[in-house]
């Protein structure tokens, strides 16, 4: 059976927050400036919540997705042109 793939974009996690902080320090910016810059790249104008990734994963593992096979599912808020 073909395997489905989840293709995540930017998600608001502890690790991403730490990355924003480090990046901001290296560039003399505030962490909020880095995260704001990231959200402007996403048509949804926000980063994904970890729960959204988890819910999509749970759906694909559920009986409700039993007929979905071999799909790449973008969970990225829309920045990839292939999503349009």
PDB file of N, CA and C in Angstrom:
ATOM      1  N   UNK A   1       0.846  -1.169   0.000  1.00  0.00           N
ATOM      2  CA  UNK A   1       0.000   0.000   0.000  1.00  0.00           C
ATOM      3  C   UNK A   1       0.898   1.242   0.000  1.00  0.00           C
ATOM      4  N   UNK A   2       0.631   2.208  -0.874  1.00  0.00           N
ATOM      5  CA  UNK A   2       1.410   3.449  -0.883  1.00  0.00           C
ATOM      6  C   UNK A   2       1.266   4.198   0.437  1.00  0.00           C
ATOM      7  N   UNK A   3       2.297   4.892   0.795  1.00  0.00           N
ATOM      8  CA  UNK A   3       2.309   5.634   2.049  1.00  0.00           C
ATOM      9  C   UNK A   3       2.004   7.105   1.786  1.00  0.00           C
ATOM     10  N   UNK A   4       1.193   7.703   2.643  1.00  0.00           N
ATOM     11  CA  UNK A   4       0.912   9.132   2.569  1.00  0.00           C
ATOM     12  C   UNK A   4       2.039   9.887   3.260  1.00  0.00           C
ATOM     13  N   UNK A   5       2.275  11.121   2.819  1.00  0.00           N
ATOM     14  CA  UNK A   5       3.289  11.958   3.438  1.00  0.00           C
ATOM     15  C   UNK A   5       2.680  13.275   3.884  1.00  0.00           C
ATOM     16  N   UNK A   6       3.097  13.725   5.054  1.00  0.00           N
ATOM     17  CA  UNK A   6       2.733  15.060   5.510  1.00  0.00           C
ATOM     18  C   UNK A   6       3.925  15.958   5.250  1.00  0.00           C
ATOM     19  N   UNK A   7       3.681  17.090   4.613  1.00  0.00           N
ATOM     20  CA  UNK A   7       4.735  18.036   4.269  1.00  0.00           C
ATOM     21  C   UNK A   7       4.498  19.328   5.043  1.00  0.00           C
ATOM     22  N   UNK A   8       5.095  19.424   6.228  1.00  0.00           N
ATOM     23  CA  UNK A   8       4.815  20.590   7.065  1.00  0.00           C
ATOM     24  C   UNK A   8       5.587  21.830   6.640  1.00  0.00           C
ATOM     25  N   UNK A   9       4.973  22.963   6.873  1.00  0.00           N
ATOM     26  CA  UNK A   9       5.632  24.254   6.676  1.00  0.00           C
ATOM     27  C   UNK A   9       6.169  24.724   8.017  1.00  0.00           C
ATOM     28  N   UNK A  10       6.020  25.998   8.282  1.00  0.00           N
ATOM     29  CA  UNK A  10       6.505  26.579   9.535  1.00  0.00           C
ATOM     30  C   UNK A  10       5.456  26.417  10.629  1.00  0.00           C
ATOM     31  N   UNK A  11       5.887  25.823  11.737  1.00  0.00           N
ATOM     32  CA  UNK A  11       5.003  25.620  12.878  1.00  0.00           C
ATOM     33  C   UNK A  11       5.568  26.325  14.095  1.00  0.00           C
ATOM     34  N   UNK A  12       4.691  26.822  14.926  1.00  0.00           N
ATOM     35  CA  UNK A  12       5.070  27.533  16.134  1.00  0.00           C
ATOM     36  C   UNK A  12       5.340  26.513  17.237  1.00  0.00           C
ATOM     37  N   UNK A  13       6.611  26.206  17.402  1.00  0.00           N
ATOM     38  CA  UNK A  13       7.031  25.226  18.401  1.00  0.00           C
ATOM     39  C   UNK A  13       8.105  25.845  19.292  1.00  0.00           C
ATOM     40  N   UNK A  14       8.459  25.161  20.356  1.00  0.00           N
ATOM     41  CA  UNK A  14       9.544  25.634  21.219  1.00  0.00           C
ATOM     42  C   UNK A  14      10.832  25.751  20.417  1.00  0.00           C
ATOM     43  N   UNK A  15      11.070  24.790  19.543  1.00  0.00           N
ATOM     44  CA  UNK A  15      12.292  24.821  18.735  1.00  0.00           C
ATOM     45  C   UNK A  15      12.301  26.013  17.774  1.00  0.00           C
ATOM     46  N   UNK A  16      11.172  26.281  17.115  1.00  0.00           N
ATOM     47  CA  UNK A  16      11.145  27.427  16.198  1.00  0.00           C
ATOM     48  C   UNK A  16      11.310  28.730  16.974  1.00  0.00           C
ATOM     49  N   UNK A  17      10.701  28.835  18.161  1.00  0.00           N
ATOM     50  CA  UNK A  17      10.861  30.034  18.981  1.00  0.00           C
ATOM     51  C   UNK A  17      12.318  30.234  19.372  1.00  0.00           C
ATOM     52  N   UNK A  18      12.999  29.159  19.708  1.00  0.00           N
ATOM     53  CA  UNK A  18      14.423  29.240  20.042  1.00  0.00           C
ATOM     54  C   UNK A  18      15.226  29.674  18.815  1.00  0.00           C
ATOM     55  N   UNK A  19      14.877  29.140  17.651  1.00  0.00           N
ATOM     56  CA  UNK A  19      15.541  29.537  16.417  1.00  0.00           C
ATOM     57  C   UNK A  19      15.333  31.012  16.108  1.00  0.00           C
ATOM     58  N   UNK A  20      14.125  31.513  16.342  1.00  0.00           N
ATOM     59  CA  UNK A  20      13.855  32.936  16.145  1.00  0.00           C
ATOM     60  C   UNK A  20      14.732  33.780  17.073  1.00  0.00           C
ATOM     61  N   UNK A  21      14.835  33.329  18.329  1.00  0.00           N
ATOM     62  CA  UNK A  21      15.625  34.068  19.319  1.00  0.00           C
ATOM     63  C   UNK A  21      17.095  34.119  18.907  1.00  0.00           C
ATOM     64  N   UNK A  22      17.654  32.968  18.534  1.00  0.00           N
ATOM     65  CA  UNK A  22      19.062  32.894  18.132  1.00  0.00           C
ATOM     66  C   UNK A  22      19.303  33.729  16.877  1.00  0.00           C
ATOM     67  N   UNK A  23      18.428  33.603  15.903  1.00  0.00           N
ATOM     68  CA  UNK A  23      18.552  34.362  14.662  1.00  0.00           C
ATOM     69  C   UNK A  23      18.485  35.865  14.941  1.00  0.00           C
ATOM     70  N   UNK A  24      17.584  36.251  15.817  1.00  0.00           N
ATOM     71  CA  UNK A  24      17.442  37.665  16.160  1.00  0.00           C
ATOM     72  C   UNK A  24      18.713  38.183  16.831  1.00  0.00           C
ATOM     73  N   UNK A  25      19.254  37.410  17.774  1.00  0.00           N
ATOM     74  CA  UNK A  25      20.483  37.822  18.454  1.00  0.00           C
ATOM     75  C   UNK A  25      21.631  38.001  17.468  1.00  0.00           C
ATOM     76  N   UNK A  26      21.766  37.078  16.522  1.00  0.00           N
ATOM     77  CA  UNK A  26      22.845  37.154  15.527  1.00  0.00           C
ATOM     78  C   UNK A  26      22.721  38.388  14.647  1.00  0.00           C
ATOM     79  N   UNK A  27      21.476  38.836  14.406  1.00  0.00           N
ATOM     80  CA  UNK A  27      21.231  39.945  13.495  1.00  0.00           C
ATOM     81  C   UNK A  27      20.853  41.246  14.191  1.00  0.00           C
ATOM     82  N   UNK A  28      20.966  41.282  15.521  1.00  0.00           N
ATOM     83  CA  UNK A  28      20.654  42.494  16.262  1.00  0.00           C
ATOM     84  C   UNK A  28      19.193  42.895  16.191  1.00  0.00           C
ATOM     85  N   UNK A  29      18.313  41.915  16.103  1.00  0.00           N
ATOM     86  CA  UNK A  29      16.872  42.167  16.022  1.00  0.00           C
ATOM     87  C   UNK A  29      16.173  41.606  17.245  1.00  0.00           C
ATOM     88  N   UNK A  30      14.898  41.907  17.353  1.00  0.00           N
ATOM     89  CA  UNK A  30      14.067  41.293  18.387  1.00  0.00           C
ATOM     90  C   UNK A  30      13.478  39.997  17.848  1.00  0.00           C
ATOM     91  N   UNK A  31      13.246  39.032  18.735  1.00  0.00           N
ATOM     92  CA  UNK A  31      12.660  37.757  18.318  1.00  0.00           C
ATOM     93  C   UNK A  31      11.337  37.934  17.613  1.00  0.00           C
ATOM     94  N   UNK A  32      10.547  38.929  18.072  1.00  0.00           N
ATOM     95  CA  UNK A  32       9.248  39.182  17.443  1.00  0.00           C
ATOM     96  C   UNK A  32       9.398  39.639  15.995  1.00  0.00           C
ATOM     97  N   UNK A  33      10.483  40.342  15.699  1.00  0.00           N
ATOM     98  CA  UNK A  33      10.711  40.799  14.329  1.00  0.00           C
ATOM     99  C   UNK A  33      10.960  39.619  13.400  1.00  0.00           C
ATOM    100  N   UNK A  34      11.672  38.632  13.889  1.00  0.00           N
ATOM    101  CA  UNK A  34      11.952  37.434  13.087  1.00  0.00           C
ATOM    102  C   UNK A  34      10.668  36.645  12.867  1.00  0.00           C
ATOM    103  N   UNK A  35       9.896  36.416  13.923  1.00  0.00           N
ATOM    104  CA  UNK A  35       8.655  35.640  13.766  1.00  0.00           C
ATOM    105  C   UNK A  35       7.664  36.395  12.876  1.00  0.00           C
ATOM    106  N   UNK A  36       7.606  37.723  12.990  1.00  0.00           N
ATOM    107  CA  UNK A  36       6.721  38.510  12.126  1.00  0.00           C
ATOM    108  C   UNK A  36       7.142  38.364  10.666  1.00  0.00           C
ATOM    109  N   UNK A  37       8.440  38.392  10.421  1.00  0.00           N
ATOM    110  CA  UNK A  37       8.963  38.213   9.064  1.00  0.00           C
ATOM    111  C   UNK A  37       8.551  36.853   8.502  1.00  0.00           C
ATOM    112  N   UNK A  38       8.597  35.829   9.338  1.00  0.00           N
ATOM    113  CA  UNK A  38       8.211  34.484   8.890  1.00  0.00           C
ATOM    114  C   UNK A  38       6.722  34.431   8.560  1.00  0.00           C
ATOM    115  N   UNK A  39       5.886  35.039   9.385  1.00  0.00           N
ATOM    116  CA  UNK A  39       4.444  34.966   9.135  1.00  0.00           C
ATOM    117  C   UNK A  39       4.062  35.723   7.872  1.00  0.00           C
ATOM    118  N   UNK A  40       4.833  36.730   7.499  1.00  0.00           N
ATOM    119  CA  UNK A  40       4.533  37.483   6.276  1.00  0.00           C
ATOM    120  C   UNK A  40       4.794  36.657   5.022  1.00  0.00           C
ATOM    121  N   UNK A  41       5.572  35.597   5.138  1.00  0.00           N
ATOM    122  CA  UNK A  41       5.857  34.712   3.996  1.00  0.00           C
ATOM    123  C   UNK A  41       4.740  33.701   3.754  1.00  0.00           C
ATOM    124  N   UNK A  42       3.863  33.563   4.722  1.00  0.00           N
ATOM    125  CA  UNK A  42       2.801  32.565   4.663  1.00  0.00           C
ATOM    126  C   UNK A  42       1.475  33.251   4.344  1.00  0.00           C
ATOM    127  N   UNK A  43       0.784  32.866   3.271  1.00  0.00           N
ATOM    128  CA  UNK A  43      -0.501  33.491   2.949  1.00  0.00           C
ATOM    129  C   UNK A  43      -1.512  33.464   4.097  1.00  0.00           C
ATOM    130  N   UNK A  44      -1.444  32.466   4.955  1.00  0.00           N
ATOM    131  CA  UNK A  44      -2.358  32.395   6.100  1.00  0.00           C
ATOM    132  C   UNK A  44      -2.025  33.451   7.154  1.00  0.00           C
ATOM    133  N   UNK A  45      -0.864  34.109   7.003  1.00  0.00           N
ATOM    134  CA  UNK A  45      -0.397  35.170   7.913  1.00  0.00           C
ATOM    135  C   UNK A  45      -0.231  34.710   9.352  1.00  0.00           C
ATOM    136  N   UNK A  46       0.087  33.439   9.507  1.00  0.00           N
ATOM    137  CA  UNK A  46       0.385  32.897  10.840  1.00  0.00           C
ATOM    138  C   UNK A  46       1.182  31.618  10.667  1.00  0.00           C
ATOM    139  N   UNK A  47       1.855  31.212  11.713  1.00  0.00           N
ATOM    140  CA  UNK A  47       2.538  29.924  11.699  1.00  0.00           C
ATOM    141  C   UNK A  47       1.550  28.856  12.152  1.00  0.00           C
ATOM    142  N   UNK A  48       1.813  27.634  11.748  1.00  0.00           N
ATOM    143  CA  UNK A  48       0.933  26.543  12.132  1.00  0.00           C
ATOM    144  C   UNK A  48       1.047  26.210  13.607  1.00  0.00           C
ATOM    145  N   UNK A  49      -0.015  25.734  14.157  1.00  0.00           N
ATOM    146  CA  UNK A  49      -0.017  25.260  15.542  1.00  0.00           C
ATOM    147  C   UNK A  49       0.310  23.770  15.542  1.00  0.00           C
ATOM    148  N   UNK A  50       1.122  23.301  16.495  1.00  0.00           N
ATOM    149  CA  UNK A  50       1.456  21.875  16.540  1.00  0.00           C
ATOM    150  C   UNK A  50       0.221  20.972  16.531  1.00  0.00           C
ATOM    151  N   UNK A  51      -0.868  21.439  17.151  1.00  0.00           N
ATOM    152  CA  UNK A  51      -2.097  20.651  17.190  1.00  0.00           C
ATOM    153  C   UNK A  51      -2.647  20.408  15.788  1.00  0.00           C
ATOM    154  N   UNK A  52      -2.451  21.377  14.879  1.00  0.00           N
ATOM    155  CA  UNK A  52      -2.942  21.217  13.511  1.00  0.00           C
ATOM    156  C   UNK A  52      -2.203  20.084  12.808  1.00  0.00           C
ATOM    157  N   UNK A  53      -0.911  19.994  13.037  1.00  0.00           N
ATOM    158  CA  UNK A  53      -0.137  18.896  12.469  1.00  0.00           C
ATOM    159  C   UNK A  53      -0.615  17.571  13.072  1.00  0.00           C
ATOM    160  N   UNK A  54      -0.754  17.555  14.398  1.00  0.00           N
ATOM    161  CA  UNK A  54      -1.186  16.340  15.082  1.00  0.00           C
ATOM    162  C   UNK A  54      -2.562  15.874  14.645  1.00  0.00           C
ATOM    163  N   UNK A  55      -3.475  16.813  14.460  1.00  0.00           N
ATOM    164  CA  UNK A  55      -4.830  16.452  14.039  1.00  0.00           C
ATOM    165  C   UNK A  55      -4.841  15.881  12.623  1.00  0.00           C
ATOM    166  N   UNK A  56      -4.004  16.447  11.751  1.00  0.00           N
ATOM    167  CA  UNK A  56      -3.928  15.923  10.385  1.00  0.00           C
ATOM    168  C   UNK A  56      -3.325  14.525  10.392  1.00  0.00           C
ATOM    169  N   UNK A  57      -2.295  14.337  11.184  1.00  0.00           N
ATOM    170  CA  UNK A  57      -1.678  13.023  11.306  1.00  0.00           C
ATOM    171  C   UNK A  57      -2.674  11.998  11.867  1.00  0.00           C
ATOM    172  N   UNK A  58      -3.391  12.395  12.900  1.00  0.00           N
ATOM    173  CA  UNK A  58      -4.393  11.503  13.497  1.00  0.00           C
ATOM    174  C   UNK A  58      -5.467  11.142  12.479  1.00  0.00           C
ATOM    175  N   UNK A  59      -5.893  12.114  11.679  1.00  0.00           N
ATOM    176  CA  UNK A  59      -6.889  11.837  10.653  1.00  0.00           C
ATOM    177  C   UNK A  59      -6.370  10.792   9.672  1.00  0.00           C
ATOM    178  N   UNK A  60      -5.129  10.962   9.193  1.00  0.00           N
ATOM    179  CA  UNK A  60      -4.582  10.003   8.223  1.00  0.00           C
ATOM    180  C   UNK A  60      -4.412   8.608   8.807  1.00  0.00           C
ATOM    181  N   UNK A  61      -4.278   8.530  10.116  1.00  0.00           N
ATOM    182  CA  UNK A  61      -4.147   7.227  10.778  1.00  0.00           C
ATOM    183  C   UNK A  61      -5.506   6.637  11.178  1.00  0.00           C
ATOM    184  N   UNK A  62      -6.566   7.390  10.947  1.00  0.00           N
ATOM    185  CA  UNK A  62      -7.888   6.954  11.384  1.00  0.00           C
ATOM    186  C   UNK A  62      -8.611   6.158  10.298  1.00  0.00           C
ATOM    187  N   UNK A  63      -9.710   5.553  10.694  1.00  0.00           N
ATOM    188  CA  UNK A  63     -10.535   4.798   9.756  1.00  0.00           C
ATOM    189  C   UNK A  63     -11.163   5.711   8.701  1.00  0.00           C
ATOM    190  N   UNK A  64     -11.264   7.004   9.000  1.00  0.00           N
ATOM    191  CA  UNK A  64     -11.884   7.944   8.072  1.00  0.00           C
ATOM    192  C   UNK A  64     -11.006   8.235   6.853  1.00  0.00           C
ATOM    193  N   UNK A  65      -9.728   7.902   6.941  1.00  0.00           N
ATOM    194  CA  UNK A  65      -8.806   8.140   5.830  1.00  0.00           C
ATOM    195  C   UNK A  65      -8.381   6.822   5.177  1.00  0.00           C
ATOM    196  N   UNK A  66      -9.116   5.786   5.432  1.00  0.00           N
ATOM    197  CA  UNK A  66      -8.749   4.463   4.937  1.00  0.00           C
ATOM    198  C   UNK A  66      -8.681   4.328   3.429  1.00  0.00           C
ATOM    199  N   UNK A  67      -9.292   5.237   2.702  1.00  0.00           N
ATOM    200  CA  UNK A  67      -9.312   5.155   1.242  1.00  0.00           C
ATOM    201  C   UNK A  67      -8.341   6.146   0.604  1.00  0.00           C
ATOM    202  N   UNK A  68      -7.601   6.885   1.438  1.00  0.00           N
ATOM    203  CA  UNK A  68      -6.592   7.824   0.952  1.00  0.00           C
ATOM    204  C   UNK A  68      -5.263   7.085   0.870  1.00  0.00           C
ATOM    205  N   UNK A  69      -4.690   7.048  -0.317  1.00  0.00           N
ATOM    206  CA  UNK A  69      -3.407   6.365  -0.468  1.00  0.00           C
ATOM    207  C   UNK A  69      -2.453   7.194  -1.320  1.00  0.00           C
ATOM    208  N   UNK A  70      -1.174   7.129  -0.978  1.00  0.00           N
ATOM    209  CA  UNK A  70      -0.126   7.730  -1.779  1.00  0.00           C
ATOM    210  C   UNK A  70      -0.221   9.222  -1.996  1.00  0.00           C
ATOM    211  N   UNK A  71      -0.654   9.972  -0.997  1.00  0.00           N
ATOM    212  CA  UNK A  71      -0.810  11.422  -1.148  1.00  0.00           C
ATOM    213  C   UNK A  71       0.266  12.181  -0.391  1.00  0.00           C
ATOM    214  N   UNK A  72       0.681  13.300  -0.939  1.00  0.00           N
ATOM    215  CA  UNK A  72       1.519  14.267  -0.246  1.00  0.00           C
ATOM    216  C   UNK A  72       0.597  15.374   0.214  1.00  0.00           C
ATOM    217  N   UNK A  73       0.510  15.574   1.511  1.00  0.00           N
ATOM    218  CA  UNK A  73      -0.424  16.544   2.053  1.00  0.00           C
ATOM    219  C   UNK A  73       0.362  17.719   2.632  1.00  0.00           C
ATOM    220  N   UNK A  74       0.222  18.880   1.994  1.00  0.00           N
ATOM    221  CA  UNK A  74       0.878  20.091   2.457  1.00  0.00           C
ATOM    222  C   UNK A  74       0.122  20.659   3.653  1.00  0.00           C
ATOM    223  N   UNK A  75       0.856  20.914   4.704  1.00  0.00           N
ATOM    224  CA  UNK A  75       0.295  21.590   5.865  1.00  0.00           C
ATOM    225  C   UNK A  75       1.208  22.789   6.085  1.00  0.00           C
ATOM    226  N   UNK A  76       1.011  23.824   5.276  1.00  0.00           N
ATOM    227  CA  UNK A  76       1.995  24.905   5.271  1.00  0.00           C
ATOM    228  C   UNK A  76       1.384  26.303   5.226  1.00  0.00           C
ATOM    229  N   UNK A  77       0.100  26.447   5.269  1.00  0.00           N
ATOM    230  CA  UNK A  77      -0.499  27.774   5.231  1.00  0.00           C
ATOM    231  C   UNK A  77      -0.527  28.425   3.859  1.00  0.00           C
ATOM    232  N   UNK A  78      -0.037  27.706   2.839  1.00  0.00           N
ATOM    233  CA  UNK A  78      -0.185  28.163   1.473  1.00  0.00           C
ATOM    234  C   UNK A  78       0.981  28.788   0.738  1.00  0.00           C
ATOM    235  N   UNK A  79       2.235  28.780   1.235  1.00  0.00           N
ATOM    236  CA  UNK A  79       3.279  29.469   0.475  1.00  0.00           C
ATOM    237  C   UNK A  79       3.779  28.738  -0.772  1.00  0.00           C
ATOM    238  N   UNK A  80       3.549  27.448  -0.859  1.00  0.00           N
ATOM    239  CA  UNK A  80       4.029  26.688  -2.003  1.00  0.00           C
ATOM    240  C   UNK A  80       3.061  26.852  -3.179  1.00  0.00           C
ATOM    241  N   UNK A  81       3.591  27.220  -4.334  1.00  0.00           N
ATOM    242  CA  UNK A  81       2.740  27.471  -5.502  1.00  0.00           C
ATOM    243  C   UNK A  81       1.943  26.248  -5.896  1.00  0.00           C
ATOM    244  N   UNK A  82       2.454  25.073  -5.609  1.00  0.00           N
ATOM    245  CA  UNK A  82       1.731  23.858  -5.971  1.00  0.00           C
ATOM    246  C   UNK A  82       0.424  23.715  -5.196  1.00  0.00           C
ATOM    247  N   UNK A  83       0.270  24.468  -4.134  1.00  0.00           N
ATOM    248  CA  UNK A  83      -0.945  24.403  -3.315  1.00  0.00           C
ATOM    249  C   UNK A  83      -2.057  25.250  -3.895  1.00  0.00           C
ATOM    250  N   UNK A  84      -1.785  26.052  -4.911  1.00  0.00           N
ATOM    251  CA  UNK A  84      -2.803  26.934  -5.481  1.00  0.00           C
ATOM    252  C   UNK A  84      -3.409  26.332  -6.717  1.00  0.00           C
TER     253      UNK A  84
END
